[in-house]
Amino acid sequence: MIKPKTTKPKKCKVCPSMFTPTRLGQKVCGPMCALTFARSVRAKDEKREAIKERRETKAKLKDLKPRNYWYAKAKVAIQASRRLEELAKGSGCMSCGRSQKEVVGTDPWKPGGLWDGGHFMSKGARPELALEPLNVWLQCKTCNGGSGKYARKGYTVNNSFEANLRAQMGDELVDWLKGPHELKHLSIEQLQAIEAEHSAIAKELKAKQS
């Protein structure tokens, strides 16, 4: 004769009481706990639905952003990744030549920190190089702000930037940057890809520094 299977007591999902289930899948000990449990399940479902709706709305809004928005995002991401790359290498300011230690020891703290990813050829001079990583180098905020406070006598910030870039990276790169370039009209999808790539690089570098 087969003995009937005995049901083991289990803990109620709502209160700490132990109970013996009288039906398959029973999770609570009684009607009051069943009502509370049903409410919690409904609340979780509503929360998941709200998160889903927010994500869908965010995705729709993302698609509505104009090209200029993604152009600016890509530019900022490239500057951030290049700044962090050069800091990780131990580079100093490409304009005034001061080391990281000198800048940290003398410059007052400024919003956003002491360093920028500065363009050698400005957007105004070479708009086609605004998203070129090799056109972005480490600058202290004083130099990137246009101050010639630490420049050599008779040198502007831009003069110093070029002289140091030639000394460190060679004439070939500088001459190429100063030469003519084709202005590419990147699509929103291409700009999004550039922004994602350099944001990922920046995130990885920040993680290594922390």
N, C-alpha and C. Protein backbone atom coordinates (compact mmCIF):
# COMPACT_ATOMS: atom_id res chain seq x y z
N MET A 1 0.85 -1.20 0.00
CA MET A 1 0.00 0.00 0.00
C MET A 1 0.88 1.25 0.00
N ILE A 2 0.58 2.20 -0.94
CA ILE A 2 1.37 3.42 -1.05
C ILE A 2 0.91 4.42 -0.01
N LYS A 3 1.84 4.89 0.76
CA LYS A 3 1.50 5.86 1.78
C LYS A 3 1.31 7.23 1.16
N PRO A 4 0.30 7.99 1.58
CA PRO A 4 0.10 9.34 1.03
C PRO A 4 1.28 10.25 1.40
N LYS A 5 1.64 11.06 0.45
CA LYS A 5 2.77 11.97 0.66
C LYS A 5 2.42 13.04 1.68
N THR A 6 3.27 13.18 2.67
CA THR A 6 3.00 14.18 3.71
C THR A 6 3.52 15.54 3.29
N THR A 7 2.75 16.57 3.58
CA THR A 7 3.14 17.94 3.24
C THR A 7 3.94 18.53 4.38
N LYS A 8 5.10 19.02 4.03
CA LYS A 8 5.97 19.60 5.05
C LYS A 8 5.56 21.04 5.35
N PRO A 9 5.68 21.46 6.61
CA PRO A 9 5.38 22.85 6.96
C PRO A 9 6.35 23.79 6.25
N LYS A 10 5.88 24.97 5.97
CA LYS A 10 6.74 25.99 5.33
C LYS A 10 6.46 27.34 5.95
N LYS A 11 7.37 28.25 5.71
CA LYS A 11 7.26 29.58 6.29
C LYS A 11 6.40 30.48 5.39
N CYS A 12 5.52 31.21 6.00
CA CYS A 12 4.64 32.14 5.27
C CYS A 12 5.48 33.24 4.62
N LYS A 13 5.13 33.60 3.38
CA LYS A 13 5.85 34.63 2.63
C LYS A 13 5.63 36.03 3.20
N VAL A 14 4.62 36.17 4.06
CA VAL A 14 4.31 37.49 4.60
C VAL A 14 4.71 37.60 6.06
N CYS A 15 4.18 36.72 6.88
CA CYS A 15 4.52 36.75 8.30
C CYS A 15 5.50 35.62 8.61
N PRO A 16 6.10 35.62 9.77
CA PRO A 16 7.10 34.58 10.08
C PRO A 16 6.50 33.25 10.51
N SER A 17 5.18 33.10 10.42
CA SER A 17 4.53 31.88 10.90
C SER A 17 4.86 30.68 10.02
N MET A 18 4.93 29.54 10.61
CA MET A 18 5.06 28.28 9.89
C MET A 18 3.66 27.71 9.70
N PHE A 19 3.37 27.15 8.50
CA PHE A 19 2.05 26.59 8.26
C PHE A 19 2.19 25.38 7.35
N THR A 20 1.17 24.55 7.37
CA THR A 20 1.14 23.38 6.49
C THR A 20 0.23 23.68 5.32
N PRO A 21 0.75 23.72 4.11
CA PRO A 21 -0.07 24.04 2.93
C PRO A 21 -1.18 23.04 2.72
N THR A 22 -2.34 23.54 2.32
CA THR A 22 -3.48 22.67 2.05
C THR A 22 -3.73 22.53 0.56
N ARG A 23 -2.95 23.29 -0.25
CA ARG A 23 -3.08 23.20 -1.71
C ARG A 23 -1.73 23.45 -2.37
N LEU A 24 -1.62 23.01 -3.58
CA LEU A 24 -0.36 23.14 -4.31
C LEU A 24 -0.04 24.61 -4.59
N GLY A 25 1.19 25.00 -4.29
CA GLY A 25 1.62 26.38 -4.57
C GLY A 25 1.21 27.40 -3.52
N GLN A 26 0.67 26.96 -2.42
CA GLN A 26 0.25 27.90 -1.37
C GLN A 26 1.49 28.54 -0.74
N LYS A 27 1.49 29.87 -0.68
CA LYS A 27 2.66 30.60 -0.20
C LYS A 27 2.43 31.30 1.14
N VAL A 28 1.17 31.44 1.53
CA VAL A 28 0.86 32.18 2.76
C VAL A 28 -0.02 31.34 3.67
N CYS A 29 -0.06 31.80 4.91
CA CYS A 29 -0.74 30.97 5.91
C CYS A 29 -2.25 31.16 5.98
N GLY A 30 -2.76 32.31 5.54
CA GLY A 30 -4.19 32.55 5.68
C GLY A 30 -4.67 33.71 4.82
N PRO A 31 -5.95 34.03 4.89
CA PRO A 31 -6.56 35.07 4.04
C PRO A 31 -5.91 36.45 4.16
N MET A 32 -5.61 36.88 5.37
CA MET A 32 -5.04 38.22 5.56
C MET A 32 -3.65 38.32 4.91
N CYS A 33 -2.86 37.28 5.12
CA CYS A 33 -1.54 37.26 4.50
C CYS A 33 -1.65 37.13 2.98
N ALA A 34 -2.68 36.41 2.53
CA ALA A 34 -2.90 36.26 1.09
C ALA A 34 -3.20 37.61 0.45
N LEU A 35 -3.99 38.44 1.15
CA LEU A 35 -4.32 39.76 0.64
C LEU A 35 -3.06 40.64 0.59
N THR A 36 -2.27 40.59 1.65
CA THR A 36 -1.03 41.38 1.70
C THR A 36 -0.06 40.92 0.61
N PHE A 37 0.03 39.61 0.43
CA PHE A 37 0.93 39.06 -0.59
C PHE A 37 0.50 39.48 -2.00
N ALA A 38 -0.80 39.44 -2.23
CA ALA A 38 -1.33 39.83 -3.55
C ALA A 38 -1.03 41.30 -3.83
N ARG A 39 -1.15 42.12 -2.80
CA ARG A 39 -0.84 43.56 -2.97
C ARG A 39 0.64 43.77 -3.30
N SER A 40 1.52 43.01 -2.62
CA SER A 40 2.96 43.18 -2.86
C SER A 40 3.32 42.72 -4.27
N VAL A 41 2.69 41.65 -4.73
CA VAL A 41 2.94 41.16 -6.09
C VAL A 41 2.48 42.20 -7.10
N ARG A 42 1.29 42.76 -6.85
CA ARG A 42 0.76 43.78 -7.76
C ARG A 42 1.66 45.02 -7.79
N ALA A 43 2.18 45.41 -6.61
CA ALA A 43 3.07 46.57 -6.53
C ALA A 43 4.36 46.33 -7.31
N LYS A 44 4.90 45.09 -7.22
CA LYS A 44 6.12 44.76 -7.96
C LYS A 44 5.86 44.78 -9.46
N ASP A 45 4.69 44.27 -9.86
CA ASP A 45 4.34 44.28 -11.28
C ASP A 45 4.21 45.71 -11.81
N GLU A 46 3.60 46.57 -10.99
CA GLU A 46 3.42 47.97 -11.39
C GLU A 46 4.78 48.68 -11.48
N LYS A 47 5.67 48.34 -10.55
CA LYS A 47 7.01 48.93 -10.57
C LYS A 47 7.77 48.51 -11.82
N ARG A 48 7.69 47.20 -12.15
CA ARG A 48 8.35 46.71 -13.36
C ARG A 48 7.79 47.37 -14.61
N GLU A 49 6.47 47.56 -14.63
CA GLU A 49 5.83 48.19 -15.79
C GLU A 49 6.25 49.65 -15.91
N ALA A 50 6.36 50.34 -14.74
CA ALA A 50 6.78 51.74 -14.75
C ALA A 50 8.21 51.87 -15.26
N ILE A 51 9.10 50.95 -14.83
CA ILE A 51 10.50 50.95 -15.29
C ILE A 51 10.55 50.72 -16.80
N LYS A 52 9.73 49.78 -17.27
CA LYS A 52 9.68 49.48 -18.69
C LYS A 52 9.22 50.70 -19.49
N GLU A 53 8.19 51.38 -18.97
CA GLU A 53 7.67 52.57 -19.66
C GLU A 53 8.70 53.68 -19.69
N ARG A 54 9.44 53.85 -18.56
CA ARG A 54 10.48 54.88 -18.52
C ARG A 54 11.58 54.59 -19.54
N ARG A 55 11.96 53.32 -19.64
CA ARG A 55 12.99 52.94 -20.60
C ARG A 55 12.52 53.19 -22.03
N GLU A 56 11.26 52.84 -22.29
CA GLU A 56 10.72 53.05 -23.64
C GLU A 56 10.64 54.54 -23.97
N THR A 57 10.23 55.34 -22.96
CA THR A 57 10.15 56.79 -23.15
C THR A 57 11.53 57.38 -23.39
N LYS A 58 12.51 56.90 -22.60
CA LYS A 58 13.89 57.38 -22.75
C LYS A 58 14.43 57.04 -24.14
N ALA A 59 14.10 55.84 -24.60
CA ALA A 59 14.56 55.42 -25.93
C ALA A 59 13.93 56.30 -27.02
N LYS A 60 12.64 56.62 -26.85
CA LYS A 60 11.96 57.47 -27.83
C LYS A 60 12.55 58.88 -27.83
N LEU A 61 12.81 59.41 -26.62
CA LEU A 61 13.40 60.75 -26.52
C LEU A 61 14.80 60.78 -27.10
N LYS A 62 15.53 59.66 -26.90
CA LYS A 62 16.88 59.56 -27.45
C LYS A 62 16.85 59.69 -28.97
N ASP A 63 15.85 59.05 -29.56
CA ASP A 63 15.72 59.10 -31.02
C ASP A 63 15.35 60.50 -31.51
N LEU A 64 14.73 61.30 -30.61
CA LEU A 64 14.29 62.63 -31.00
C LEU A 64 15.39 63.69 -30.85
N LYS A 65 16.50 63.32 -30.17
CA LYS A 65 17.58 64.29 -29.97
C LYS A 65 18.18 64.68 -31.32
N PRO A 66 18.44 65.97 -31.53
CA PRO A 66 19.00 66.41 -32.81
C PRO A 66 20.46 65.98 -32.96
N ARG A 67 20.96 66.07 -34.18
CA ARG A 67 22.33 65.67 -34.48
C ARG A 67 23.34 66.48 -33.66
N ASN A 68 23.08 67.78 -33.48
CA ASN A 68 24.00 68.63 -32.71
C ASN A 68 24.18 68.14 -31.28
N TYR A 69 23.11 67.59 -30.72
CA TYR A 69 23.18 67.05 -29.36
C TYR A 69 24.19 65.91 -29.31
N TRP A 70 24.11 64.98 -30.27
CA TRP A 70 25.02 63.83 -30.28
C TRP A 70 26.43 64.23 -30.69
N TYR A 71 26.54 65.25 -31.51
CA TYR A 71 27.86 65.78 -31.88
C TYR A 71 28.56 66.29 -30.62
N ALA A 72 27.84 67.07 -29.80
CA ALA A 72 28.41 67.61 -28.57
C ALA A 72 28.75 66.49 -27.59
N LYS A 73 27.89 65.47 -27.49
CA LYS A 73 28.15 64.35 -26.59
C LYS A 73 29.40 63.59 -27.02
N ALA A 74 29.56 63.38 -28.31
CA ALA A 74 30.74 62.68 -28.83
C ALA A 74 32.00 63.48 -28.54
N LYS A 75 31.93 64.78 -28.75
CA LYS A 75 33.09 65.66 -28.52
C LYS A 75 33.51 65.63 -27.05
N VAL A 76 32.57 65.72 -26.16
CA VAL A 76 32.86 65.70 -24.72
C VAL A 76 33.46 64.34 -24.31
N ALA A 77 32.90 63.26 -24.87
CA ALA A 77 33.40 61.92 -24.54
C ALA A 77 34.84 61.73 -25.00
N ILE A 78 35.16 62.23 -26.19
CA ILE A 78 36.53 62.13 -26.70
C ILE A 78 37.48 62.93 -25.82
N GLN A 79 37.09 64.14 -25.45
CA GLN A 79 37.94 64.96 -24.59
C GLN A 79 38.17 64.29 -23.24
N ALA A 80 37.13 63.68 -22.69
CA ALA A 80 37.26 63.01 -21.39
C ALA A 80 38.19 61.80 -21.48
N SER A 81 38.01 60.99 -22.52
CA SER A 81 38.85 59.80 -22.64
C SER A 81 40.32 60.17 -22.89
N ARG A 82 40.56 61.19 -23.71
CA ARG A 82 41.94 61.61 -23.98
C ARG A 82 42.58 62.23 -22.73
N ARG A 83 41.81 63.00 -21.99
CA ARG A 83 42.33 63.60 -20.76
C ARG A 83 42.76 62.49 -19.79
N LEU A 84 41.90 61.49 -19.61
CA LEU A 84 42.21 60.42 -18.68
C LEU A 84 43.36 59.54 -19.18
N GLU A 85 43.45 59.35 -20.49
CA GLU A 85 44.56 58.58 -21.06
C GLU A 85 45.89 59.26 -20.77
N GLU A 86 45.94 60.56 -21.00
CA GLU A 86 47.20 61.29 -20.79
C GLU A 86 47.55 61.39 -19.31
N LEU A 87 46.55 61.55 -18.47
CA LEU A 87 46.81 61.57 -17.03
C LEU A 87 47.37 60.22 -16.57
N ALA A 88 46.81 59.13 -17.12
CA ALA A 88 47.27 57.79 -16.76
C ALA A 88 48.71 57.55 -17.20
N LYS A 89 49.10 58.19 -18.29
CA LYS A 89 50.48 58.06 -18.78
C LYS A 89 51.47 58.90 -17.98
N GLY A 90 50.93 59.82 -17.16
CA GLY A 90 51.81 60.70 -16.39
C GLY A 90 52.19 61.96 -17.13
N SER A 91 51.48 62.25 -18.22
CA SER A 91 51.80 63.45 -19.02
C SER A 91 51.50 64.72 -18.25
N GLY A 92 52.15 65.81 -18.66
CA GLY A 92 51.88 67.12 -18.09
C GLY A 92 51.07 67.95 -19.07
N CYS A 93 50.96 69.23 -18.79
CA CYS A 93 50.22 70.13 -19.66
C CYS A 93 50.97 70.32 -20.97
N MET A 94 50.29 70.12 -22.10
CA MET A 94 50.93 70.24 -23.39
C MET A 94 51.23 71.69 -23.75
N SER A 95 50.61 72.62 -23.06
CA SER A 95 50.87 74.04 -23.36
C SER A 95 52.00 74.61 -22.52
N CYS A 96 51.84 74.59 -21.20
CA CYS A 96 52.87 75.21 -20.36
C CYS A 96 53.99 74.25 -19.98
N GLY A 97 53.77 72.95 -20.19
CA GLY A 97 54.80 71.98 -19.91
C GLY A 97 54.91 71.57 -18.45
N ARG A 98 54.07 72.12 -17.60
CA ARG A 98 54.15 71.77 -16.18
C ARG A 98 53.70 70.33 -15.96
N SER A 99 54.32 69.67 -15.00
CA SER A 99 53.97 68.29 -14.67
C SER A 99 52.66 68.27 -13.87
N GLN A 100 52.13 67.09 -13.72
CA GLN A 100 50.90 66.95 -12.92
C GLN A 100 51.15 67.41 -11.48
N LYS A 101 52.32 67.07 -10.96
CA LYS A 101 52.65 67.45 -9.59
C LYS A 101 52.72 68.97 -9.44
N GLU A 102 53.30 69.64 -10.43
CA GLU A 102 53.42 71.11 -10.38
C GLU A 102 52.05 71.77 -10.43
N VAL A 103 51.19 71.26 -11.30
CA VAL A 103 49.86 71.85 -11.44
C VAL A 103 49.05 71.65 -10.17
N VAL A 104 49.10 70.42 -9.64
CA VAL A 104 48.36 70.12 -8.40
C VAL A 104 48.89 70.95 -7.25
N GLY A 105 50.19 71.21 -7.24
CA GLY A 105 50.79 71.94 -6.12
C GLY A 105 50.65 73.44 -6.18
N THR A 106 50.31 74.00 -7.36
CA THR A 106 50.26 75.46 -7.48
C THR A 106 48.90 76.03 -7.86
N ASP A 107 48.11 75.30 -8.63
CA ASP A 107 46.84 75.85 -9.11
C ASP A 107 45.72 75.63 -8.10
N PRO A 108 44.88 76.64 -7.91
CA PRO A 108 43.72 76.45 -7.02
C PRO A 108 42.72 75.53 -7.68
N TRP A 109 41.95 74.81 -6.86
CA TRP A 109 40.95 73.89 -7.41
C TRP A 109 39.93 74.67 -8.22
N LYS A 110 39.50 74.08 -9.33
CA LYS A 110 38.50 74.71 -10.19
C LYS A 110 37.39 73.71 -10.47
N PRO A 111 36.17 74.20 -10.77
CA PRO A 111 35.07 73.29 -11.09
C PRO A 111 35.46 72.34 -12.23
N GLY A 112 35.26 71.06 -12.01
CA GLY A 112 35.64 70.08 -13.02
C GLY A 112 37.06 69.58 -12.88
N GLY A 113 37.78 70.07 -11.88
CA GLY A 113 39.15 69.62 -11.68
C GLY A 113 40.18 70.54 -12.30
N LEU A 114 41.42 70.11 -12.29
CA LEU A 114 42.52 70.95 -12.76
C LEU A 114 42.90 70.71 -14.21
N TRP A 115 42.28 69.69 -14.84
CA TRP A 115 42.74 69.29 -16.17
C TRP A 115 41.61 69.26 -17.19
N ASP A 116 41.98 69.52 -18.44
CA ASP A 116 41.04 69.43 -19.56
C ASP A 116 41.67 68.63 -20.69
N GLY A 117 40.81 68.16 -21.58
CA GLY A 117 41.28 67.61 -22.85
C GLY A 117 41.16 68.75 -23.85
N GLY A 118 42.28 69.38 -24.17
CA GLY A 118 42.24 70.58 -25.01
C GLY A 118 42.56 70.29 -26.46
N HIS A 119 41.85 70.96 -27.36
CA HIS A 119 42.10 70.79 -28.80
C HIS A 119 43.31 71.63 -29.23
N PHE A 120 44.21 70.99 -29.97
CA PHE A 120 45.33 71.73 -30.55
C PHE A 120 44.82 72.68 -31.64
N MET A 121 44.10 72.14 -32.62
CA MET A 121 43.43 72.96 -33.62
C MET A 121 41.99 73.13 -33.18
N SER A 122 41.60 74.36 -32.93
CA SER A 122 40.27 74.63 -32.39
C SER A 122 39.17 74.26 -33.38
N LYS A 123 37.96 74.15 -32.86
CA LYS A 123 36.82 73.84 -33.71
C LYS A 123 36.62 74.92 -34.77
N GLY A 124 36.92 76.15 -34.39
CA GLY A 124 36.78 77.25 -35.34
C GLY A 124 37.80 77.17 -36.47
N ALA A 125 39.03 76.78 -36.11
CA ALA A 125 40.10 76.69 -37.11
C ALA A 125 39.98 75.43 -37.95
N ARG A 126 39.68 74.31 -37.32
CA ARG A 126 39.57 73.03 -38.01
C ARG A 126 38.36 72.26 -37.49
N PRO A 127 37.15 72.65 -37.91
CA PRO A 127 35.95 71.95 -37.43
C PRO A 127 35.96 70.47 -37.77
N GLU A 128 36.67 70.11 -38.85
CA GLU A 128 36.72 68.72 -39.25
C GLU A 128 37.57 67.86 -38.31
N LEU A 129 38.31 68.51 -37.39
CA LEU A 129 39.15 67.78 -36.44
C LEU A 129 38.59 67.81 -35.01
N ALA A 130 37.39 68.32 -34.86
CA ALA A 130 36.80 68.43 -33.51
C ALA A 130 36.63 67.06 -32.86
N LEU A 131 36.42 66.02 -33.68
CA LEU A 131 36.23 64.67 -33.15
C LEU A 131 37.43 63.77 -33.43
N GLU A 132 38.58 64.39 -33.70
CA GLU A 132 39.81 63.63 -33.95
C GLU A 132 40.59 63.49 -32.63
N PRO A 133 40.71 62.26 -32.09
CA PRO A 133 41.41 62.07 -30.81
C PRO A 133 42.84 62.60 -30.80
N LEU A 134 43.54 62.51 -31.94
CA LEU A 134 44.93 62.98 -31.99
C LEU A 134 45.03 64.50 -31.98
N ASN A 135 43.89 65.17 -32.00
CA ASN A 135 43.87 66.63 -31.91
C ASN A 135 43.60 67.09 -30.48
N VAL A 136 43.43 66.13 -29.57
CA VAL A 136 43.09 66.44 -28.18
C VAL A 136 44.23 65.98 -27.26
N TRP A 137 44.72 66.93 -26.44
CA TRP A 137 45.85 66.64 -25.54
C TRP A 137 45.59 67.24 -24.18
N LEU A 138 46.37 66.79 -23.22
CA LEU A 138 46.17 67.24 -21.84
C LEU A 138 46.60 68.69 -21.66
N GLN A 139 45.71 69.48 -21.08
CA GLN A 139 45.99 70.88 -20.75
C GLN A 139 45.52 71.17 -19.34
N CYS A 140 46.27 71.98 -18.62
CA CYS A 140 45.76 72.46 -17.34
C CYS A 140 44.65 73.45 -17.65
N LYS A 141 43.74 73.64 -16.73
CA LYS A 141 42.61 74.53 -17.00
C LYS A 141 43.05 75.97 -17.22
N THR A 142 44.15 76.38 -16.62
CA THR A 142 44.65 77.74 -16.82
C THR A 142 44.99 77.96 -18.28
N CYS A 143 45.72 77.02 -18.88
CA CYS A 143 46.10 77.16 -20.30
C CYS A 143 44.91 76.98 -21.22
N ASN A 144 44.05 76.00 -20.91
CA ASN A 144 42.89 75.76 -21.78
C ASN A 144 41.91 76.93 -21.74
N GLY A 145 41.98 77.70 -20.65
CA GLY A 145 41.14 78.88 -20.55
C GLY A 145 41.70 80.07 -21.31
N GLY A 146 42.91 79.92 -21.87
CA GLY A 146 43.50 80.98 -22.69
C GLY A 146 44.54 81.83 -21.98
N SER A 147 44.80 81.56 -20.71
CA SER A 147 45.76 82.37 -19.98
C SER A 147 47.18 81.99 -20.35
N GLY A 148 48.02 82.98 -20.61
CA GLY A 148 49.42 82.73 -20.92
C GLY A 148 50.31 82.87 -19.70
N LYS A 149 49.72 82.70 -18.53
CA LYS A 149 50.42 82.90 -17.26
C LYS A 149 51.70 82.07 -17.17
N TYR A 150 51.67 80.84 -17.66
CA TYR A 150 52.82 79.96 -17.52
C TYR A 150 53.57 79.74 -18.84
N ALA A 151 53.16 80.48 -19.87
CA ALA A 151 53.83 80.31 -21.17
C ALA A 151 55.21 80.95 -21.14
N ARG A 152 56.11 80.43 -22.01
CA ARG A 152 57.44 81.02 -22.11
C ARG A 152 57.36 82.44 -22.63
N LYS A 153 58.34 83.24 -22.29
CA LYS A 153 58.35 84.64 -22.69
C LYS A 153 58.24 84.76 -24.21
N GLY A 154 57.30 85.59 -24.65
CA GLY A 154 57.10 85.80 -26.07
C GLY A 154 56.23 84.74 -26.72
N TYR A 155 55.77 83.76 -25.95
CA TYR A 155 54.93 82.68 -26.47
C TYR A 155 53.48 82.86 -25.99
N THR A 156 52.55 82.62 -26.90
CA THR A 156 51.15 82.52 -26.50
C THR A 156 50.90 81.08 -26.07
N VAL A 157 49.70 80.83 -25.53
CA VAL A 157 49.35 79.47 -25.15
C VAL A 157 49.39 78.56 -26.37
N ASN A 158 48.87 79.05 -27.50
CA ASN A 158 48.86 78.23 -28.72
C ASN A 158 50.28 77.97 -29.23
N ASN A 159 51.16 78.99 -29.15
CA ASN A 159 52.55 78.79 -29.56
C ASN A 159 53.20 77.69 -28.73
N SER A 160 52.97 77.75 -27.44
CA SER A 160 53.56 76.76 -26.54
C SER A 160 52.99 75.36 -26.81
N PHE A 161 51.69 75.32 -27.07
CA PHE A 161 51.03 74.04 -27.37
C PHE A 161 51.71 73.41 -28.58
N GLU A 162 51.90 74.18 -29.65
CA GLU A 162 52.50 73.64 -30.86
C GLU A 162 53.96 73.24 -30.64
N ALA A 163 54.71 74.08 -29.95
CA ALA A 163 56.13 73.78 -29.72
C ALA A 163 56.29 72.49 -28.92
N ASN A 164 55.50 72.33 -27.88
CA ASN A 164 55.60 71.13 -27.05
C ASN A 164 55.08 69.89 -27.79
N LEU A 165 54.04 70.08 -28.59
CA LEU A 165 53.50 68.95 -29.34
C LEU A 165 54.50 68.46 -30.38
N ARG A 166 55.18 69.41 -31.03
CA ARG A 166 56.21 69.04 -32.00
C ARG A 166 57.36 68.31 -31.31
N ALA A 167 57.75 68.83 -30.14
CA ALA A 167 58.87 68.22 -29.41
C ALA A 167 58.54 66.80 -28.94
N GLN A 168 57.30 66.60 -28.51
CA GLN A 168 56.93 65.31 -27.94
C GLN A 168 56.42 64.29 -28.97
N MET A 169 55.68 64.78 -29.97
CA MET A 169 55.03 63.86 -30.90
C MET A 169 55.57 63.93 -32.33
N GLY A 170 56.38 64.95 -32.60
CA GLY A 170 57.00 65.04 -33.92
C GLY A 170 56.30 65.99 -34.87
N ASP A 171 57.08 66.47 -35.86
CA ASP A 171 56.55 67.42 -36.83
C ASP A 171 55.47 66.82 -37.72
N GLU A 172 55.59 65.54 -38.01
CA GLU A 172 54.65 64.91 -38.95
C GLU A 172 53.21 65.03 -38.45
N LEU A 173 53.00 64.74 -37.18
CA LEU A 173 51.65 64.82 -36.62
C LEU A 173 51.14 66.26 -36.64
N VAL A 174 51.99 67.19 -36.19
CA VAL A 174 51.57 68.59 -36.12
C VAL A 174 51.26 69.14 -37.52
N ASP A 175 52.10 68.83 -38.48
CA ASP A 175 51.87 69.31 -39.84
C ASP A 175 50.59 68.72 -40.42
N TRP A 176 50.33 67.46 -40.08
CA TRP A 176 49.09 66.82 -40.55
C TRP A 176 47.87 67.50 -39.94
N LEU A 177 47.94 67.78 -38.62
CA LEU A 177 46.82 68.44 -37.94
C LEU A 177 46.56 69.83 -38.51
N LYS A 178 47.63 70.53 -38.88
CA LYS A 178 47.49 71.89 -39.40
C LYS A 178 47.09 71.92 -40.89
N GLY A 179 47.19 70.78 -41.54
CA GLY A 179 46.87 70.72 -42.96
C GLY A 179 45.37 70.66 -43.22
N PRO A 180 44.98 70.70 -44.49
CA PRO A 180 43.56 70.64 -44.84
C PRO A 180 43.00 69.24 -44.61
N HIS A 181 41.71 69.18 -44.26
CA HIS A 181 41.04 67.91 -44.01
C HIS A 181 39.62 67.97 -44.56
N GLU A 182 39.14 66.82 -44.93
CA GLU A 182 37.77 66.74 -45.43
C GLU A 182 36.79 66.81 -44.27
N LEU A 183 35.77 67.63 -44.41
CA LEU A 183 34.74 67.75 -43.37
C LEU A 183 33.71 66.64 -43.57
N LYS A 184 33.65 65.72 -42.64
CA LYS A 184 32.73 64.59 -42.75
C LYS A 184 31.43 64.89 -42.03
N HIS A 185 30.32 64.57 -42.69
CA HIS A 185 29.01 64.75 -42.06
C HIS A 185 28.59 63.40 -41.48
N LEU A 186 28.91 63.19 -40.21
CA LEU A 186 28.60 61.92 -39.56
C LEU A 186 27.12 61.84 -39.21
N SER A 187 26.57 60.65 -39.34
CA SER A 187 25.17 60.44 -38.99
C SER A 187 25.00 60.40 -37.48
N ILE A 188 23.77 60.47 -37.02
CA ILE A 188 23.48 60.38 -35.59
C ILE A 188 23.98 59.04 -35.05
N GLU A 189 23.75 57.97 -35.82
CA GLU A 189 24.19 56.64 -35.39
C GLU A 189 25.71 56.58 -35.24
N GLN A 190 26.44 57.20 -36.14
CA GLN A 190 27.90 57.22 -36.06
C GLN A 190 28.37 58.03 -34.86
N LEU A 191 27.71 59.15 -34.60
CA LEU A 191 28.06 59.98 -33.44
C LEU A 191 27.75 59.24 -32.14
N GLN A 192 26.65 58.51 -32.11
CA GLN A 192 26.30 57.72 -30.93
C GLN A 192 27.35 56.64 -30.68
N ALA A 193 27.83 56.03 -31.75
CA ALA A 193 28.85 54.99 -31.63
C ALA A 193 30.16 55.57 -31.09
N ILE A 194 30.53 56.75 -31.58
CA ILE A 194 31.76 57.42 -31.10
C ILE A 194 31.62 57.77 -29.62
N GLU A 195 30.47 58.30 -29.26
CA GLU A 195 30.23 58.68 -27.86
C GLU A 195 30.29 57.46 -26.95
N ALA A 196 29.68 56.35 -27.39
CA ALA A 196 29.68 55.12 -26.59
C ALA A 196 31.08 54.55 -26.44
N GLU A 197 31.86 54.57 -27.52
CA GLU A 197 33.22 54.04 -27.49
C GLU A 197 34.10 54.80 -26.51
N HIS A 198 34.08 56.11 -26.59
CA HIS A 198 34.97 56.90 -25.74
C HIS A 198 34.45 57.00 -24.30
N SER A 199 33.15 56.91 -24.12
CA SER A 199 32.61 56.86 -22.75
C SER A 199 33.06 55.57 -22.07
N ALA A 200 33.10 54.48 -22.83
CA ALA A 200 33.55 53.20 -22.28
C ALA A 200 35.03 53.25 -21.91
N ILE A 201 35.83 53.90 -22.75
CA ILE A 201 37.26 54.06 -22.46
C ILE A 201 37.45 54.87 -21.18
N ALA A 202 36.71 55.97 -21.08
CA ALA A 202 36.80 56.84 -19.89
C ALA A 202 36.38 56.09 -18.64
N LYS A 203 35.31 55.31 -18.75
CA LYS A 203 34.82 54.54 -17.59
C LYS A 203 35.87 53.54 -17.12
N GLU A 204 36.50 52.88 -18.07
CA GLU A 204 37.53 51.89 -17.72
C GLU A 204 38.74 52.56 -17.06
N LEU A 205 39.14 53.70 -17.57
CA LEU A 205 40.29 54.42 -17.00
C LEU A 205 39.97 54.93 -15.60
N LYS A 206 38.75 55.41 -15.39
CA LYS A 206 38.36 55.88 -14.06
C LYS A 206 38.37 54.73 -13.07
N ALA A 207 37.92 53.56 -13.52
CA ALA A 207 37.88 52.38 -12.63
C ALA A 207 39.29 51.98 -12.21
N LYS A 208 40.23 52.09 -13.12
CA LYS A 208 41.62 51.73 -12.82
C LYS A 208 42.25 52.72 -11.84
N GLN A 209 41.83 53.99 -11.91
CA GLN A 209 42.40 55.02 -11.05
C GLN A 209 41.82 54.98 -9.64
N SER A 210 40.59 54.43 -9.52
CA SER A 210 39.94 54.42 -8.20
C SER A 210 40.44 53.26 -7.33
